Protein backbone atom coordinates (compact mmCIF):
# COMPACT_ATOMS: atom_id res chain seq x y z
CA MET A 1 -16.53 -3.52 -23.88
CA ARG A 2 -18.75 -3.69 -20.85
CA SER A 3 -20.23 -0.21 -21.47
CA GLN A 4 -21.60 -1.34 -24.82
CA GLU A 5 -24.08 -3.54 -22.97
CA TRP A 6 -25.71 -0.20 -22.17
CA PHE A 7 -24.78 2.25 -24.92
CA GLY A 8 -24.37 -0.13 -27.86
CA ARG A 9 -27.92 -1.41 -27.87
CA THR A 10 -30.44 -0.67 -30.60
CA GLY A 11 -34.10 0.11 -30.26
CA LYS A 12 -35.83 1.11 -27.03
CA ASP A 13 -33.07 -0.07 -24.68
CA GLY A 14 -30.32 1.90 -26.42
CA PHE A 15 -32.59 4.96 -26.58
CA ILE A 16 -33.18 4.83 -22.81
CA TYR A 17 -29.52 4.38 -21.89
CA ARG A 18 -28.25 7.17 -24.17
CA ALA A 19 -31.00 9.76 -24.28
CA TRP A 20 -30.89 10.95 -20.70
CA MET A 21 -27.07 10.96 -20.70
CA LYS A 22 -27.22 13.34 -23.65
CA ASN A 23 -28.91 16.02 -21.55
CA GLN A 24 -25.41 16.74 -20.21
CA GLY A 25 -24.25 17.76 -23.67
CA PHE A 26 -22.46 14.57 -24.73
CA PRO A 27 -22.49 14.06 -28.53
CA HIS A 28 -23.58 10.72 -29.91
CA HIS A 29 -20.10 9.60 -30.98
CA GLU A 30 -18.97 9.45 -27.33
CA PHE A 31 -21.25 6.43 -26.92
CA GLU A 32 -19.86 4.58 -29.94
CA GLY A 33 -17.30 2.22 -28.47
CA LYS A 34 -15.12 4.51 -26.39
CA PRO A 35 -13.88 2.99 -23.10
CA VAL A 36 -15.99 4.47 -20.30
CA ILE A 37 -13.83 5.31 -17.29
CA GLY A 38 -15.75 5.80 -14.07
CA ILE A 39 -14.21 8.32 -11.69
CA CYS A 40 -15.24 7.26 -8.21
CA ASN A 41 -14.99 10.47 -6.21
CA THR A 42 -15.10 10.72 -2.41
CA TRP A 43 -15.17 14.53 -2.46
CA SER A 44 -17.03 16.00 0.49
CA GLU A 45 -16.74 19.14 2.57
CA LEU A 46 -17.31 16.82 5.52
CA THR A 47 -14.12 14.97 4.53
CA PRO A 48 -11.53 17.78 4.60
CA CYS A 49 -8.71 15.46 3.46
CA ASN A 50 -10.59 15.01 0.17
CA ALA A 51 -12.01 18.54 -0.22
CA HIS A 52 -9.78 19.28 -3.24
CA PHE A 53 -11.05 16.29 -5.23
CA ARG A 54 -13.46 18.18 -7.47
CA GLU A 55 -10.49 20.01 -8.99
CA LEU A 56 -8.32 16.87 -9.05
CA ALA A 57 -11.08 14.98 -10.89
CA GLU A 58 -10.85 17.48 -13.74
CA SER A 59 -7.19 16.54 -14.23
CA ILE A 60 -8.19 12.87 -14.43
CA LYS A 61 -10.88 13.66 -16.99
CA ARG A 62 -8.42 15.54 -19.20
CA GLY A 63 -6.21 12.46 -19.25
CA VAL A 64 -9.12 10.16 -20.12
CA TRP A 65 -10.27 12.42 -22.96
CA GLU A 66 -6.72 12.69 -24.31
CA ALA A 67 -6.38 8.90 -24.47
CA GLY A 68 -9.68 8.50 -26.30
CA GLY A 69 -11.82 7.47 -23.36
CA PHE A 70 -15.15 8.73 -22.03
CA PRO A 71 -14.89 9.85 -18.35
CA LEU A 72 -17.97 9.77 -16.15
CA GLU A 73 -17.64 10.93 -12.56
CA PHE A 74 -19.82 9.54 -9.77
CA PRO A 75 -19.98 10.06 -5.99
CA VAL A 76 -19.93 7.44 -3.27
CA MET A 77 -20.15 7.64 0.50
CA SER A 78 -17.23 9.63 1.91
CA LEU A 79 -15.80 9.06 5.38
CA GLY A 80 -14.23 12.06 7.11
CA GLU A 81 -12.03 10.70 9.87
CA CYS A 82 -12.19 13.85 11.99
CA GLN A 83 -15.92 14.47 11.56
CA ILE A 84 -18.04 11.34 11.36
CA LYS A 85 -19.28 9.79 14.62
CA PRO A 86 -18.89 7.47 16.37
CA THR A 87 -15.95 6.35 14.20
CA ALA A 88 -15.27 6.20 10.46
CA MET A 89 -14.32 2.53 10.82
CA LEU A 90 -17.96 1.72 11.58
CA PHE A 91 -18.85 2.78 8.03
CA ARG A 92 -15.88 1.43 6.04
CA ASN A 93 -17.80 -1.70 5.06
CA LEU A 94 -20.89 0.31 4.18
CA ALA A 95 -18.87 2.58 1.89
CA SER A 96 -17.31 -0.47 0.27
CA MET A 97 -20.78 -1.80 -0.51
CA ASP A 98 -21.70 1.55 -2.06
CA VAL A 99 -18.58 1.40 -4.25
CA GLU A 100 -19.13 -2.22 -5.28
CA GLU A 101 -22.73 -1.74 -6.33
CA SER A 102 -22.04 1.61 -8.03
CA ILE A 103 -19.33 0.04 -10.18
CA ARG A 104 -21.25 -3.12 -11.02
CA GLY A 105 -24.56 -1.42 -11.70
CA ASN A 106 -23.32 1.27 -14.09
CA SER A 107 -21.93 1.48 -17.64
CA ILE A 108 -18.25 1.43 -16.66
CA ASP A 109 -15.36 -0.36 -18.38
CA GLY A 110 -12.69 0.75 -15.93
CA VAL A 111 -12.63 2.80 -12.73
CA ILE A 112 -10.32 5.34 -11.10
CA LEU A 113 -10.71 5.48 -7.33
CA MET A 114 -10.18 8.91 -5.77
CA CYS A 115 -9.34 8.45 -2.13
CA GLY A 116 -7.24 10.00 0.60
CA CYS A 117 -8.70 10.10 4.10
CA ASP A 118 -8.02 6.98 6.16
CA LYS A 119 -11.05 4.81 5.40
CA THR A 120 -11.81 6.05 1.89
CA THR A 121 -8.85 4.15 0.42
CA PRO A 122 -9.57 0.68 1.84
CA SER A 123 -13.32 0.98 1.32
CA LEU A 124 -12.92 1.93 -2.35
CA VAL A 125 -10.32 -0.76 -3.01
CA MET A 126 -12.42 -3.39 -1.22
CA GLY A 127 -15.45 -2.53 -3.32
CA ALA A 128 -13.50 -2.48 -6.58
CA CYS A 129 -11.83 -5.83 -5.84
CA SER A 130 -15.23 -7.41 -5.37
CA VAL A 131 -16.17 -6.43 -8.94
CA ASP A 132 -12.74 -6.85 -10.61
CA ILE A 133 -12.82 -4.53 -13.58
CA PRO A 134 -9.66 -2.54 -14.55
CA THR A 135 -8.93 -0.26 -11.60
CA MET A 136 -6.46 2.50 -10.71
CA VAL A 137 -6.09 4.64 -7.60
CA VAL A 138 -5.35 8.35 -7.26
CA SER A 139 -4.67 9.42 -3.69
CA GLY A 140 -5.23 12.98 -2.54
CA GLY A 141 -1.70 13.45 -1.25
CA PRO A 142 -0.35 14.64 2.12
CA MET A 143 -0.81 18.21 3.28
CA LEU A 144 2.24 20.40 3.71
CA ALA A 145 3.87 20.24 7.13
CA GLY A 146 2.46 22.77 9.58
CA ARG A 147 4.45 25.60 11.11
CA PHE A 148 3.97 26.63 14.72
CA GLN A 149 6.18 28.75 16.94
CA GLY A 150 9.13 28.39 14.58
CA ARG A 151 9.00 24.64 14.01
CA LYS A 152 7.33 22.06 11.78
CA ILE A 153 4.30 20.27 13.19
CA GLY A 154 1.96 17.52 12.06
CA THR A 155 -0.93 15.42 13.35
CA SER A 156 1.29 13.42 15.71
CA ASP A 157 1.97 16.63 17.63
CA LEU A 158 -1.71 16.73 18.56
CA TRP A 159 -1.09 14.06 21.22
CA ARG A 160 1.80 16.10 22.65
CA PHE A 161 -0.25 19.28 22.61
CA ALA A 162 -3.11 17.46 24.35
CA GLU A 163 -0.78 16.39 27.17
CA ASP A 164 0.59 19.94 27.54
CA TYR A 165 -2.93 21.38 27.55
CA LYS A 166 -4.01 18.84 30.15
CA MET A 167 -1.08 19.84 32.37
CA GLY A 168 -1.65 23.57 31.95
CA LYS A 169 1.53 24.05 29.88
CA MET A 170 -0.47 25.23 26.88
CA THR A 171 -3.31 27.76 26.89
CA GLN A 172 -6.54 27.47 24.92
CA ALA A 173 -5.39 30.39 22.76
CA GLU A 174 -2.14 28.54 21.95
CA PHE A 175 -4.14 25.40 21.23
CA ILE A 176 -6.28 27.29 18.69
CA ALA A 177 -3.18 28.87 17.14
CA ALA A 178 -1.63 25.41 16.77
CA GLU A 179 -4.71 23.94 15.10
CA ALA A 180 -4.75 26.81 12.59
CA SER A 181 -1.05 26.25 11.90
CA MET A 182 -1.14 22.48 11.46
CA ALA A 183 -3.63 21.92 8.64
CA ARG A 184 -2.38 24.77 6.45
CA SER A 185 -2.95 23.22 3.04
CA GLN A 186 -5.23 20.77 1.28
CA GLY A 187 -4.48 17.07 1.70
CA HIS A 188 -4.49 14.37 4.33
CA CYS A 189 -2.24 14.11 7.41
CA ALA A 190 1.36 15.16 6.80
CA VAL A 191 2.84 12.29 8.82
CA MET A 192 3.02 8.56 8.09
CA GLY A 193 -0.41 8.06 9.61
CA THR A 194 -3.10 5.80 8.24
CA ALA A 195 -3.92 8.00 5.23
CA SER A 196 -0.34 8.00 3.93
CA THR A 197 0.02 4.35 4.92
CA MET A 198 -2.96 3.55 2.70
CA ALA A 199 -1.54 5.62 -0.17
CA ALA A 200 1.74 3.72 0.17
CA MET A 201 -0.22 0.46 0.33
CA VAL A 202 -1.91 0.98 -3.04
CA GLU A 203 1.39 1.98 -4.66
CA SER A 204 3.12 -1.05 -3.13
CA LEU A 205 0.32 -3.34 -4.33
CA GLY A 206 0.74 -1.97 -7.84
CA LEU A 207 -2.65 -0.24 -8.07
CA SER A 208 -1.30 3.28 -8.69
CA LEU A 209 1.37 5.01 -10.71
CA PRO A 210 4.79 5.54 -9.05
CA ASP A 211 4.97 8.53 -6.64
CA ASN A 212 1.23 8.42 -5.96
CA ALA A 213 1.89 7.94 -2.24
CA THR A 214 4.06 10.98 -1.55
CA ILE A 215 3.44 13.92 -3.92
CA PRO A 216 1.98 16.67 -1.67
CA ALA A 217 -1.63 17.56 -2.36
CA ALA A 218 -0.69 21.19 -2.99
CA ASP A 219 2.04 20.29 -5.50
CA SER A 220 1.08 20.70 -9.18
CA ARG A 221 2.69 17.33 -9.86
CA ARG A 222 -0.28 15.72 -8.08
CA LYS A 223 -2.49 17.01 -10.92
CA VAL A 224 -0.02 15.69 -13.49
CA LEU A 225 -0.15 12.26 -11.86
CA ALA A 226 -3.97 12.42 -11.97
CA HIS A 227 -3.85 13.32 -15.68
CA MET A 228 -1.46 10.47 -16.45
CA THR A 229 -3.66 8.08 -14.47
CA GLY A 230 -6.62 9.06 -16.65
CA MET A 231 -4.61 8.27 -19.77
CA ARG A 232 -3.34 4.95 -18.43
CA ALA A 233 -6.82 3.86 -17.33
CA VAL A 234 -7.99 3.86 -20.95
CA GLU A 235 -5.07 1.63 -21.93
CA LEU A 236 -5.77 -0.60 -18.94
CA VAL A 237 -9.26 -1.33 -20.22
CA ARG A 238 -7.94 -2.22 -23.65
CA GLU A 239 -5.37 -4.55 -22.05
CA GLY A 240 -7.91 -6.14 -19.70
CA LEU A 241 -5.60 -5.74 -16.68
CA THR A 242 -7.79 -6.20 -13.60
CA PRO A 243 -7.02 -6.12 -9.86
CA SER A 244 -7.04 -9.91 -9.62
CA LYS A 245 -4.12 -10.06 -12.06
CA LEU A 246 -2.12 -7.59 -9.96
CA LEU A 247 -3.07 -8.52 -6.40
CA THR A 248 -1.15 -11.76 -6.14
CA ARG A 249 0.48 -13.23 -3.08
CA LYS A 250 3.71 -11.50 -4.13
CA ALA A 251 2.00 -8.10 -4.22
CA PHE A 252 0.59 -8.53 -0.72
CA GLU A 253 3.95 -9.62 0.65
CA ASN A 254 5.60 -6.59 -0.96
CA ALA A 255 3.05 -4.28 0.64
CA ILE A 256 3.67 -5.77 4.09
CA MET A 257 7.45 -5.40 3.84
CA ILE A 258 7.28 -1.87 2.42
CA ASN A 259 4.88 -0.88 5.20
CA ALA A 260 7.39 -2.19 7.72
CA ALA A 261 10.21 -0.11 6.24
CA LEU A 262 7.96 2.96 6.35
CA GLY A 263 6.79 2.47 9.92
CA GLY A 264 3.20 2.52 8.68
CA SER A 265 0.03 2.42 10.72
CA THR A 266 -1.24 -0.66 12.56
CA ASN A 267 -4.55 -0.03 10.77
CA PHE A 268 -2.77 -1.36 7.69
CA ILE A 269 -3.38 -4.92 8.95
CA LEU A 270 -7.16 -4.56 9.18
CA HIS A 271 -7.47 -3.00 5.76
CA LEU A 272 -5.07 -5.27 3.89
CA MET A 273 -6.74 -8.34 5.39
CA ALA A 274 -10.14 -7.05 4.30
CA ILE A 275 -8.89 -6.35 0.75
CA ALA A 276 -7.38 -9.84 0.50
CA GLY A 277 -10.68 -11.33 1.63
CA ARG A 278 -12.54 -9.60 -1.20
CA LEU A 279 -10.55 -11.26 -3.99
CA GLY A 280 -12.33 -14.56 -3.48
CA THR A 281 -12.10 -16.84 -6.48
CA PHE A 282 -10.44 -14.19 -8.65
CA GLY A 283 -6.78 -14.55 -9.53
CA ASP A 284 -4.09 -15.87 -7.22
CA ASP A 285 -4.98 -17.58 -3.95
CA VAL A 286 -3.63 -15.05 -1.43
CA ASN A 287 -4.51 -16.78 1.87
CA LEU A 288 -3.24 -13.87 3.96
CA SER A 289 -3.06 -14.39 7.74
CA LEU A 290 -2.12 -12.30 10.74
CA ASP A 291 1.11 -14.23 11.17
CA ASP A 292 2.27 -13.13 7.70
CA PHE A 293 2.56 -9.56 8.96
CA ASP A 294 4.87 -10.58 11.79
CA ARG A 295 6.95 -13.00 9.74
CA LEU A 296 7.49 -10.64 6.83
CA SER A 297 8.03 -7.54 8.99
CA ALA A 298 10.56 -9.22 11.27
CA GLN A 299 13.30 -9.18 8.63
CA ILE A 300 12.77 -5.51 7.68
CA PRO A 301 14.40 -2.59 9.54
CA LEU A 302 12.84 0.88 9.67
CA LEU A 303 14.25 2.90 6.77
CA ALA A 304 11.96 5.95 6.78
CA ASN A 305 12.61 8.63 9.37
CA LEU A 306 9.02 9.85 9.47
CA GLN A 307 6.66 10.84 12.24
CA PRO A 308 5.26 9.23 14.34
CA SER A 309 8.21 6.82 14.47
CA GLY A 310 10.76 9.48 13.52
CA GLU A 311 11.14 13.19 12.83
CA HIS A 312 10.19 14.09 9.26
CA PHE A 313 7.04 14.32 7.15
CA VAL A 314 5.70 12.58 4.04
CA GLU A 315 6.36 15.77 2.09
CA ASP A 316 10.05 15.31 2.98
CA LEU A 317 9.89 11.69 1.80
CA PHE A 318 8.80 12.90 -1.63
CA TYR A 319 11.67 15.37 -1.84
CA ALA A 320 14.07 12.61 -0.73
CA GLY A 321 13.08 10.40 -3.68
CA GLY A 322 9.59 9.24 -2.76
CA LEU A 323 8.40 5.70 -2.25
CA PRO A 324 10.32 4.46 -5.36
CA ALA A 325 13.63 5.39 -3.68
CA LEU A 326 12.71 3.49 -0.53
CA ILE A 327 11.50 0.50 -2.57
CA ARG A 328 14.76 0.41 -4.50
CA GLU A 329 16.72 0.24 -1.25
CA LEU A 330 14.45 -2.56 -0.07
CA LEU A 331 14.52 -4.57 -3.32
CA PRO A 332 16.73 -7.40 -1.94
CA HIS A 333 13.77 -8.37 0.26
CA LEU A 334 10.98 -7.76 -2.26
CA HIS A 335 9.42 -9.57 -5.22
CA ALA A 336 10.79 -7.24 -7.88
CA ASP A 337 8.91 -9.09 -10.62
CA ALA A 338 5.45 -8.24 -9.26
CA LEU A 339 3.39 -6.58 -12.00
CA THR A 340 1.95 -3.10 -11.45
CA VAL A 341 -0.85 -1.10 -13.01
CA ASN A 342 1.38 0.74 -15.52
CA GLY A 343 2.35 -2.59 -17.08
CA LYS A 344 5.83 -2.57 -15.58
CA THR A 345 7.15 -4.53 -12.61
CA LEU A 346 7.84 -3.10 -9.19
CA GLY A 347 11.56 -3.39 -9.86
CA GLU A 348 11.30 -1.60 -13.21
CA ASN A 349 9.34 1.25 -11.65
CA CYS A 350 12.12 2.05 -9.18
CA SER A 351 15.15 1.24 -11.33
CA GLU A 352 15.97 4.93 -11.87
CA ALA A 353 14.96 6.10 -8.39
CA ARG A 354 17.54 7.85 -6.22
CA CYS A 355 17.69 8.86 -2.56
CA TYR A 356 18.44 12.57 -2.21
CA ASP A 357 18.31 12.77 1.58
CA PRO A 358 19.74 9.91 3.67
CA GLU A 359 18.37 11.60 6.78
CA VAL A 360 14.89 10.70 5.54
CA ILE A 361 15.52 7.39 3.74
CA ALA A 362 18.16 5.27 5.44
CA THR A 363 19.92 2.21 4.03
CA LEU A 364 19.62 -1.46 4.87
CA ASP A 365 23.21 -1.40 6.11
CA GLU A 366 22.55 1.60 8.39
CA PRO A 367 18.79 1.70 9.06
CA PHE A 368 17.04 4.43 10.99
CA LYS A 369 15.89 1.85 13.58
CA PRO A 370 16.46 -1.92 13.71
CA ASN A 371 12.84 -2.60 14.71
CA SER A 372 10.03 -1.88 12.30
CA GLY A 373 6.72 -3.07 11.07
CA ILE A 374 4.07 -4.65 13.21
CA ALA A 375 4.67 -7.34 15.80
CA VAL A 376 1.92 -9.92 16.32
CA LEU A 377 1.50 -11.09 19.90
CA ARG A 378 0.01 -14.35 21.14
CA GLY A 379 -0.94 -15.54 24.59
CA ASN A 380 -3.88 -16.28 26.85
CA LEU A 381 -4.93 -12.62 26.68
CA CYS A 382 -5.13 -12.72 22.88
CA PRO A 383 -5.55 -16.30 21.57
CA ASN A 384 -6.29 -14.99 18.07
CA GLY A 385 -3.61 -12.34 18.20
CA ALA A 386 -2.92 -8.71 19.08
CA VAL A 387 -0.59 -6.19 17.48
CA ILE A 388 1.95 -3.58 18.52
CA LYS A 389 4.08 -1.15 16.51
CA PRO A 390 7.64 -1.53 17.88
CA SER A 391 9.05 1.46 16.00
CA ALA A 392 6.68 3.80 17.86
CA ALA A 393 7.04 2.16 21.31
CA THR A 394 9.38 2.81 24.23
CA PRO A 395 12.24 0.26 24.14
CA GLU A 396 12.30 -0.10 27.94
CA LEU A 397 8.65 -1.17 27.96
CA MET A 398 8.92 -3.84 25.30
CA GLN A 399 9.41 -6.40 28.07
CA HIS A 400 7.30 -5.38 31.02
CA THR A 401 5.15 -6.83 33.79
CA GLY A 402 2.65 -4.65 35.60
CA ARG A 403 -0.62 -4.58 37.48
CA ALA A 404 -3.76 -4.03 35.43
CA VAL A 405 -5.82 -0.87 35.86
CA VAL A 406 -9.08 -1.72 34.12
CA PHE A 407 -11.62 0.47 32.34
CA GLU A 408 -14.78 -1.37 31.32
CA ASP A 409 -15.49 0.87 28.32
CA ILE A 410 -14.56 4.25 26.88
CA ASP A 411 -17.06 6.09 29.08
CA ASP A 412 -15.57 4.51 32.19
CA TYR A 413 -12.10 5.54 31.01
CA LYS A 414 -13.11 9.17 30.42
CA LYS A 415 -14.86 9.33 33.77
CA ARG A 416 -12.04 7.92 35.89
CA ILE A 417 -8.69 8.46 34.14
CA ASP A 418 -7.94 11.69 36.02
CA ASP A 419 -9.83 10.82 39.20
CA PRO A 420 -7.43 11.17 42.18
CA ALA A 421 -9.09 8.07 43.66
CA LEU A 422 -7.47 6.02 40.90
CA SER A 423 -4.10 6.52 42.61
CA ALA A 424 -5.39 5.79 46.07
CA GLY A 425 -7.50 2.65 45.73
CA THR A 426 -6.89 -0.98 46.59
CA PHE A 427 -4.70 -1.27 43.50
CA PRO A 428 -3.19 2.23 43.29
CA LEU A 429 -2.09 3.49 39.91
CA ASP A 430 1.59 4.13 39.24
CA ALA A 431 3.79 4.36 36.15
CA SER A 432 4.48 0.62 36.14
CA CYS A 433 0.81 -0.29 35.78
CA VAL A 434 -0.81 -1.54 32.58
CA LEU A 435 -3.87 0.39 31.41
CA VAL A 436 -6.55 -1.99 30.08
CA LEU A 437 -9.49 -0.69 28.05
CA LYS A 438 -12.32 -3.12 27.26
CA ASN A 439 -15.27 -3.08 24.87
CA VAL A 440 -13.84 -0.91 22.11
CA GLY A 441 -13.53 -3.71 19.55
CA PRO A 442 -15.50 -4.19 16.32
CA ARG A 443 -18.73 -5.17 18.08
CA GLY A 444 -18.22 -3.71 21.51
CA TYR A 445 -18.06 -0.03 20.62
CA PRO A 446 -19.34 -0.75 17.88
CA GLY A 447 -16.94 0.11 15.08
CA MET A 448 -13.52 -0.27 16.75
CA PRO A 449 -12.53 3.36 17.38
CA GLU A 450 -9.06 4.89 17.59
CA VAL A 451 -8.90 5.13 21.37
CA GLY A 452 -6.20 2.54 22.06
CA ASN A 453 -3.45 5.09 22.68
CA MET A 454 -5.17 6.32 25.83
CA THR A 455 -3.99 9.65 27.18
CA LEU A 456 -2.12 8.99 30.41
CA PRO A 457 -3.52 10.09 33.78
CA ALA A 458 -2.61 13.62 34.86
CA SER A 459 -0.95 12.19 37.98
CA ILE A 460 1.45 10.19 35.79
CA LEU A 461 2.14 13.04 33.37
CA ALA A 462 2.97 15.24 36.35
CA GLN A 463 5.82 12.85 37.13
CA GLY A 464 7.34 13.46 33.71
CA VAL A 465 6.25 10.03 32.43
CA HIS A 466 4.94 10.02 28.85
CA ASP A 467 4.41 6.32 28.12
CA MET A 468 2.85 3.32 29.80
CA VAL A 469 1.83 -0.09 28.48
CA ARG A 470 -1.73 0.20 27.21
CA ILE A 471 -3.89 -2.70 26.00
CA SER A 472 -7.26 -2.71 24.26
CA ASP A 473 -9.35 -4.42 21.60
CA GLY A 474 -9.61 -1.11 19.77
CA ARG A 475 -7.39 0.73 17.31
CA MET A 476 -4.88 3.56 17.44
CA SER A 477 -4.64 6.47 15.05
CA GLY A 478 -1.83 5.98 12.57
CA THR A 479 -0.51 9.32 13.80
CA GLY A 480 -0.26 7.98 17.37
CA PHE A 481 2.65 6.45 19.23
CA GLY A 482 3.56 4.70 22.46
CA THR A 483 3.75 1.17 23.86
CA VAL A 484 0.22 0.36 22.82
CA VAL A 485 -1.17 -3.15 22.29
CA LEU A 486 -4.14 -3.13 19.93
CA HIS A 487 -6.68 -5.35 18.11
CA VAL A 488 -6.83 -7.92 20.94
CA SER A 489 -8.81 -10.85 19.56
CA PRO A 490 -11.29 -12.20 20.49
CA GLU A 491 -12.62 -8.86 21.71
CA SER A 492 -14.22 -8.20 25.08
CA ALA A 493 -17.76 -7.96 23.75
CA VAL A 494 -17.79 -11.58 22.58
CA GLY A 495 -16.31 -12.95 25.81
CA GLY A 496 -12.63 -12.87 24.93
CA ASN A 497 -10.23 -13.13 27.85
CA LEU A 498 -9.69 -9.36 27.78
CA ALA A 499 -13.23 -9.10 29.19
CA LEU A 500 -12.13 -11.15 32.21
CA VAL A 501 -9.20 -8.96 33.33
CA GLN A 502 -9.63 -7.47 36.79
CA ASN A 503 -7.86 -4.65 38.61
CA GLY A 504 -4.60 -5.85 40.08
CA ASP A 505 -4.09 -8.81 37.70
CA LEU A 506 -0.51 -9.11 36.53
CA ILE A 507 0.08 -8.82 32.78
CA THR A 508 3.38 -9.48 31.01
CA LEU A 509 4.17 -7.92 27.65
CA ASP A 510 7.15 -9.54 25.93
CA VAL A 511 7.50 -8.16 22.42
CA PRO A 512 10.81 -9.90 21.56
CA ASN A 513 9.13 -13.24 22.31
CA ARG A 514 5.79 -12.10 20.82
CA SER A 515 3.90 -12.84 24.00
CA LEU A 516 1.05 -11.18 25.93
CA HIS A 517 0.21 -13.12 29.07
CA LEU A 518 -2.36 -12.64 31.80
CA HIS A 519 -1.16 -14.22 35.05
CA VAL A 520 -4.47 -15.85 35.91
CA SER A 521 -4.99 -19.61 35.88
CA ASP A 522 -7.21 -21.31 33.34
CA GLU A 523 -9.47 -22.43 36.17
CA ASP A 524 -9.97 -18.89 37.45
CA LEU A 525 -10.56 -17.62 33.94
CA ALA A 526 -13.24 -20.27 33.47
CA LEU A 527 -14.95 -19.13 36.68
CA ARG A 528 -14.85 -15.51 35.54
CA LEU A 529 -16.21 -16.46 32.11
CA ALA A 530 -19.17 -18.20 33.73
CA GLN A 531 -20.11 -14.87 35.30
CA PHE A 532 -19.47 -12.83 32.16
CA LYS A 533 -22.36 -10.72 30.89
CA PRO A 534 -21.99 -8.89 27.58
CA LEU A 535 -22.81 -5.20 27.40
CA GLU A 536 -26.26 -4.14 26.27
CA LEU A 537 -25.39 -2.18 23.14
CA GLY A 538 -28.88 -0.87 22.42
CA TYR A 539 -28.82 -0.98 18.62
CA GLU A 540 -31.99 -2.69 17.47
CA ARG A 541 -32.31 -1.49 13.88
CA GLY A 542 -30.53 -0.22 10.79
CA TYR A 543 -26.97 -0.40 9.66
CA VAL A 544 -25.35 -0.54 13.10
CA ASN A 545 -27.45 -3.57 13.99
CA LEU A 546 -26.33 -5.21 10.73
CA PHE A 547 -22.73 -4.34 11.57
CA ILE A 548 -22.87 -5.93 15.02
CA ARG A 549 -24.40 -9.14 13.67
CA HIS A 550 -22.02 -9.63 10.75
CA VAL A 551 -18.65 -7.97 11.45
CA THR A 552 -15.72 -10.35 11.80
CA GLN A 553 -13.00 -10.08 14.43
CA ALA A 554 -9.92 -7.90 14.08
CA HIS A 555 -7.60 -10.74 13.03
CA GLU A 556 -9.92 -11.35 10.06
CA GLY A 557 -10.00 -7.71 8.94
CA ALA A 558 -13.29 -6.63 10.57
CA ASP A 559 -15.12 -7.03 7.26
CA PHE A 560 -18.65 -8.40 6.98
CA ASP A 561 -18.83 -12.18 6.85
CA PHE A 562 -21.22 -12.03 3.86
CA LEU A 563 -18.83 -9.83 1.83
CA ARG A 564 -15.90 -12.19 1.84
CA GLY A 565 -15.22 -13.54 -1.60
CA SER A 566 -16.03 -11.89 -4.90
CA SER A 567 -19.12 -11.20 -6.92
CA GLY A 568 -17.92 -10.07 -10.35
CA SER A 569 -19.14 -7.43 -12.77
CA VAL A 570 -22.18 -9.18 -14.23
CA VAL A 571 -25.55 -7.55 -13.54
CA LYS A 572 -27.88 -10.51 -13.08
CA ARG A 573 -31.12 -8.69 -13.96
CA ASP A 574 -31.82 -6.14 -16.68
CA SER A 575 -34.97 -4.08 -16.21
CA HIS A 576 -35.00 -2.76 -19.77
């Protein structure tokens, strides 16, 4: 085993590797050939979604001990979506590097990734895929649905509360009462936001045990799953089952189709593309592209009635049968023979699953909504693609032409969105307009923040309008909703055509025909491009400077160009 390169040595080297470990009270026989299972823990009080992980890690350890393994827990950079500035996405790649080097550089035979908050899951999986030792994932689980003024609430209600507060329909005291009522238990967001989308992604890919995606964080069965994962990880090492043997083209296609049926977050695209890019020469040649998401999603209706596309919460999905019940309903479209981390196929894992609430999990014959997944748009405004989530959009706006109201960056948007002059200028704002936000892409912000679902102007909200077409090169929270076009590529900061849009330009969104068109001639665009001047970002040193120089565009997953491919588990130098 890999750990014996450290602990199995004789003489000085073996003494050094074992002696200092023994100051923690480990007896010598623990170092004599037991599989070492690293527990990669993103616990942090600055990452509230993962704040219960110290306790959950103990359940994993019990499972590892029971199966005859040797568990060793280690920390890596944790990314708290609601705390870290300017955006957690800026540091996803950095955290993945931390994970990769921590796994490779230490005496680990297999690893269990503990992740929950939005970026912790993709960053840990990206790092582990780069090394390719036996890997399993334990997600933190969704929090229980909130309760406020006699009804259930979740993170998606934040956007509704924000509109009501902006319009004076909700007081500050009510706002504070709502925030205390929403996050009432441990766990990540209760809706099918990015965190639960990522948990469903790892289960769909076959990297976790069944039900990992939906067991609530507060439910004791989450600890049982963690315990069973610890046991299985020891077996996984003995079997030599690595991510590259699981993450085949079939597994990625399954994840895309299951995400469509769930109405998962648009962030799913960025993270799955980045994970696929880390496999490199390992295993199956995945060759994932942006068009795969549209092609594979197009045939899948929305089966899960979950916020933000529906009414219910991930907790309810678990009670209705969990992800296995939804997968079983979707099996006619899936690769049922795809292998998963427990040694069984995807089809075998859901063979006994049942749906206990058809209000939460619909059927293929009578889906919750006919449109699901993520639609990929093409056109002169997004030559390399843009995305929209049809299940969370307004049907009447899916084919729409309107005048552009342009904001040059997020600061310009915040300064002017509620300015009365916006409705009285040369190109006055009305509900038919298209809000365009520039310079919030991977390089332009930098980090690609979740500001794409721009709050509407107060003047529009006052008319009772709650949705407009919005376009940006940024992202949207997985808990968000609306007719929002995201991930426009190339982004504004590198001179993409989004940078050339001017107030009053006509833009046509045509989701059924997958088109996003700016009604400006090629000649005029060329003239505008000749006058284009990129923003001065002002980052001359450190990680952010590295990010700006090496991050790829959204359609490539926004990973670093030098991290694509794989590096393996071999440590090329040995100081002892």
